[in-house]
């Protein structure tokens, strides 16, 4: 049984990203991301492809789409980090406050948004 067309497209895009062809990966993924807006994994992969190809505006839109349908602290953290990298600290704080995560993950996300990328650098 052959893979579904979307799965084939996704595998191809992942291979393009791994080989450093992020612009081609983004072009392949964008239609799939529009067709499947609630697939947070596809939104996240598309965001990374746009980010790696230098298209910050489209990357942030896809990160926002991924976060909107995800309850994963990791997805929200990546979104907040990318907002901070883009110099959008106010938007990062708002995203962190709206993130549907709890406990230590929420505290960490809020601290990251408040202090900026200094927290990320210290953790690395």
C-alpha atoms as a PDB file:
ATOM      1  CA  UNK A   1       0.000   0.000   0.000  1.00  0.00           C
ATOM      2  CA  UNK A   2       1.474   3.354  -1.011  1.00  0.00           C
ATOM      3  CA  UNK A   3       1.549   6.318   1.379  1.00  0.00           C
ATOM      4  CA  UNK A   4      -1.128   8.992   1.222  1.00  0.00           C
ATOM      5  CA  UNK A   5      -0.257  12.014  -0.962  1.00  0.00           C
ATOM      6  CA  UNK A   6      -0.004  14.267   2.105  1.00  0.00           C
ATOM      7  CA  UNK A   7       2.380  11.843   3.812  1.00  0.00           C
ATOM      8  CA  UNK A   8       4.555  11.700   0.692  1.00  0.00           C
ATOM      9  CA  UNK A   9       4.629  15.492   0.492  1.00  0.00           C
ATOM     10  CA  UNK A  10       5.497  15.722   4.174  1.00  0.00           C
ATOM     11  CA  UNK A  11       8.381  13.246   3.837  1.00  0.00           C
ATOM     12  CA  UNK A  12       9.714  15.120   0.809  1.00  0.00           C
ATOM     13  CA  UNK A  13       9.555  18.446   2.676  1.00  0.00           C
ATOM     14  CA  UNK A  14      11.342  16.943   5.695  1.00  0.00           C
ATOM     15  CA  UNK A  15      14.113  15.681   3.389  1.00  0.00           C
ATOM     16  CA  UNK A  16      14.408  19.130   1.809  1.00  0.00           C
ATOM     17  CA  UNK A  17      14.746  20.727   5.249  1.00  0.00           C
ATOM     18  CA  UNK A  18      17.398  18.247   6.347  1.00  0.00           C
ATOM     19  CA  UNK A  19      19.371  18.914   3.173  1.00  0.00           C
ATOM     20  CA  UNK A  20      19.263  22.679   3.757  1.00  0.00           C
ATOM     21  CA  UNK A  21      16.720  23.473   1.048  1.00  0.00           C
ATOM     22  CA  UNK A  22      14.389  25.339   3.375  1.00  0.00           C
ATOM     23  CA  UNK A  23      12.837  27.600   0.723  1.00  0.00           C
ATOM     24  CA  UNK A  24      11.829  24.550  -1.322  1.00  0.00           C
ATOM     25  CA  UNK A  25      10.519  22.842   1.818  1.00  0.00           C
ATOM     26  CA  UNK A  26       8.451  25.917   2.702  1.00  0.00           C
ATOM     27  CA  UNK A  27       7.016  26.051  -0.818  1.00  0.00           C
ATOM     28  CA  UNK A  28       6.059  22.369  -0.580  1.00  0.00           C
ATOM     29  CA  UNK A  29       4.575  22.654   2.897  1.00  0.00           C
ATOM     30  CA  UNK A  30       2.619  25.897   2.581  1.00  0.00           C
ATOM     31  CA  UNK A  31      -0.332  24.406   0.627  1.00  0.00           C
ATOM     32  CA  UNK A  32      -0.498  21.485   3.043  1.00  0.00           C
ATOM     33  CA  UNK A  33      -0.476  23.851   6.041  1.00  0.00           C
ATOM     34  CA  UNK A  34      -3.338  25.843   4.539  1.00  0.00           C
ATOM     35  CA  UNK A  35      -5.313  22.685   3.809  1.00  0.00           C
ATOM     36  CA  UNK A  36      -4.747  21.231   7.307  1.00  0.00           C
ATOM     37  CA  UNK A  37      -4.877  24.203   9.697  1.00  0.00           C
ATOM     38  CA  UNK A  38      -5.400  22.049  12.803  1.00  0.00           C
ATOM     39  CA  UNK A  39      -2.360  19.836  12.188  1.00  0.00           C
ATOM     40  CA  UNK A  40       0.069  21.440  14.631  1.00  0.00           C
ATOM     41  CA  UNK A  41       2.977  19.270  13.494  1.00  0.00           C
ATOM     42  CA  UNK A  42       2.597  20.421   9.895  1.00  0.00           C
ATOM     43  CA  UNK A  43       2.185  24.039  11.017  1.00  0.00           C
ATOM     44  CA  UNK A  44       5.346  23.759  13.109  1.00  0.00           C
ATOM     45  CA  UNK A  45       7.372  22.165  10.327  1.00  0.00           C
ATOM     46  CA  UNK A  46       6.174  24.842   7.913  1.00  0.00           C
ATOM     47  CA  UNK A  47       7.117  27.550  10.421  1.00  0.00           C
ATOM     48  CA  UNK A  48      10.630  26.119  10.725  1.00  0.00           C
ATOM     49  CA  UNK A  49      10.986  25.957   6.940  1.00  0.00           C
ATOM     50  CA  UNK A  50       9.945  29.600   6.582  1.00  0.00           C
ATOM     51  CA  UNK A  51      12.233  30.600   9.461  1.00  0.00           C
ATOM     52  CA  UNK A  52      15.201  28.782   7.985  1.00  0.00           C
ATOM     53  CA  UNK A  53      14.556  30.354   4.576  1.00  0.00           C
ATOM     54  CA  UNK A  54      14.594  33.823   6.156  1.00  0.00           C
ATOM     55  CA  UNK A  55      10.884  34.607   5.904  1.00  0.00           C
ATOM     56  CA  UNK A  56      10.209  35.722   9.468  1.00  0.00           C
ATOM     57  CA  UNK A  57       6.713  37.075   8.826  1.00  0.00           C
ATOM     58  CA  UNK A  58       5.402  33.825   7.349  1.00  0.00           C
ATOM     59  CA  UNK A  59       7.284  31.797   9.960  1.00  0.00           C
ATOM     60  CA  UNK A  60       5.617  33.684  12.803  1.00  0.00           C
ATOM     61  CA  UNK A  61       2.199  33.214  11.185  1.00  0.00           C
ATOM     62  CA  UNK A  62       2.759  29.444  11.027  1.00  0.00           C
ATOM     63  CA  UNK A  63       4.130  29.351  14.596  1.00  0.00           C
ATOM     64  CA  UNK A  64       0.991  31.161  15.714  1.00  0.00           C
ATOM     65  CA  UNK A  65      -1.156  28.647  13.816  1.00  0.00           C
ATOM     66  CA  UNK A  66       0.701  25.729  15.434  1.00  0.00           C
ATOM     67  CA  UNK A  67       0.357  27.216  18.913  1.00  0.00           C
ATOM     68  CA  UNK A  68      -3.337  27.968  18.398  1.00  0.00           C
ATOM     69  CA  UNK A  69      -4.121  24.266  18.042  1.00  0.00           C
ATOM     70  CA  UNK A  70      -1.527  22.878  20.468  1.00  0.00           C
ATOM     71  CA  UNK A  71      -1.381  22.442  24.213  1.00  0.00           C
ATOM     72  CA  UNK A  72       2.276  21.459  24.074  1.00  0.00           C
ATOM     73  CA  UNK A  73       4.596  23.595  26.177  1.00  0.00           C
ATOM     74  CA  UNK A  74       7.357  22.904  23.644  1.00  0.00           C
ATOM     75  CA  UNK A  75       5.334  24.343  20.755  1.00  0.00           C
ATOM     76  CA  UNK A  76       4.462  27.435  22.767  1.00  0.00           C
ATOM     77  CA  UNK A  77       8.072  27.847  23.911  1.00  0.00           C
ATOM     78  CA  UNK A  78       9.331  27.720  20.341  1.00  0.00           C
ATOM     79  CA  UNK A  79       6.704  30.297  19.314  1.00  0.00           C
ATOM     80  CA  UNK A  80       7.706  32.641  22.149  1.00  0.00           C
ATOM     81  CA  UNK A  81      11.415  32.248  21.326  1.00  0.00           C
ATOM     82  CA  UNK A  82      10.814  33.084  17.676  1.00  0.00           C
ATOM     83  CA  UNK A  83       8.786  36.150  18.649  1.00  0.00           C
ATOM     84  CA  UNK A  84      11.653  37.280  20.866  1.00  0.00           C
ATOM     85  CA  UNK A  85      14.200  36.688  18.099  1.00  0.00           C
ATOM     86  CA  UNK A  86      12.032  38.867  15.855  1.00  0.00           C
ATOM     87  CA  UNK A  87      12.131  41.648  18.469  1.00  0.00           C
ATOM     88  CA  UNK A  88       8.457  41.252  19.370  1.00  0.00           C
ATOM     89  CA  UNK A  89       8.759  41.099  23.150  1.00  0.00           C
ATOM     90  CA  UNK A  90       5.276  42.458  23.842  1.00  0.00           C
ATOM     91  CA  UNK A  91       3.722  39.868  21.551  1.00  0.00           C
ATOM     92  CA  UNK A  92       5.862  37.165  23.195  1.00  0.00           C
ATOM     93  CA  UNK A  93       4.551  38.147  26.635  1.00  0.00           C
ATOM     94  CA  UNK A  94       0.978  38.043  25.367  1.00  0.00           C
ATOM     95  CA  UNK A  95       1.511  34.612  23.780  1.00  0.00           C
ATOM     96  CA  UNK A  96       3.075  33.253  26.977  1.00  0.00           C
ATOM     97  CA  UNK A  97       0.155  34.525  29.026  1.00  0.00           C
ATOM     98  CA  UNK A  98      -2.347  32.900  26.651  1.00  0.00           C
ATOM     99  CA  UNK A  99      -0.559  29.556  26.408  1.00  0.00           C
ATOM    100  CA  UNK A 100      -2.771  26.707  27.652  1.00  0.00           C
ATOM    101  CA  UNK A 101       0.000  25.168  29.759  1.00  0.00           C
ATOM    102  CA  UNK A 102       0.133  24.902  33.536  1.00  0.00           C
ATOM    103  CA  UNK A 103       2.507  24.613  36.442  1.00  0.00           C
ATOM    104  CA  UNK A 104       6.251  24.877  35.971  1.00  0.00           C
ATOM    105  CA  UNK A 105       5.894  24.959  32.184  1.00  0.00           C
ATOM    106  CA  UNK A 106       3.715  28.063  32.451  1.00  0.00           C
ATOM    107  CA  UNK A 107       6.093  29.744  34.908  1.00  0.00           C
ATOM    108  CA  UNK A 108       9.047  29.006  32.652  1.00  0.00           C
ATOM    109  CA  UNK A 109       7.252  30.338  29.576  1.00  0.00           C
ATOM    110  CA  UNK A 110       6.232  33.552  31.359  1.00  0.00           C
ATOM    111  CA  UNK A 111       9.774  34.055  32.686  1.00  0.00           C
ATOM    112  CA  UNK A 112      11.215  33.543  29.215  1.00  0.00           C
ATOM    113  CA  UNK A 113       8.849  36.086  27.689  1.00  0.00           C
ATOM    114  CA  UNK A 114       9.540  38.585  30.456  1.00  0.00           C
ATOM    115  CA  UNK A 115      13.331  38.325  30.488  1.00  0.00           C
ATOM    116  CA  UNK A 116      13.825  37.702  26.796  1.00  0.00           C
ATOM    117  CA  UNK A 117      16.448  35.495  25.216  1.00  0.00           C
ATOM    118  CA  UNK A 118      18.871  35.865  28.123  1.00  0.00           C
ATOM    119  CA  UNK A 119      17.036  32.915  29.761  1.00  0.00           C
ATOM    120  CA  UNK A 120      17.507  30.791  26.643  1.00  0.00           C
ATOM    121  CA  UNK A 121      21.214  31.587  26.435  1.00  0.00           C
ATOM    122  CA  UNK A 122      21.718  30.758  30.098  1.00  0.00           C
ATOM    123  CA  UNK A 123      19.962  27.400  29.687  1.00  0.00           C
ATOM    124  CA  UNK A 124      22.103  26.407  26.686  1.00  0.00           C
END
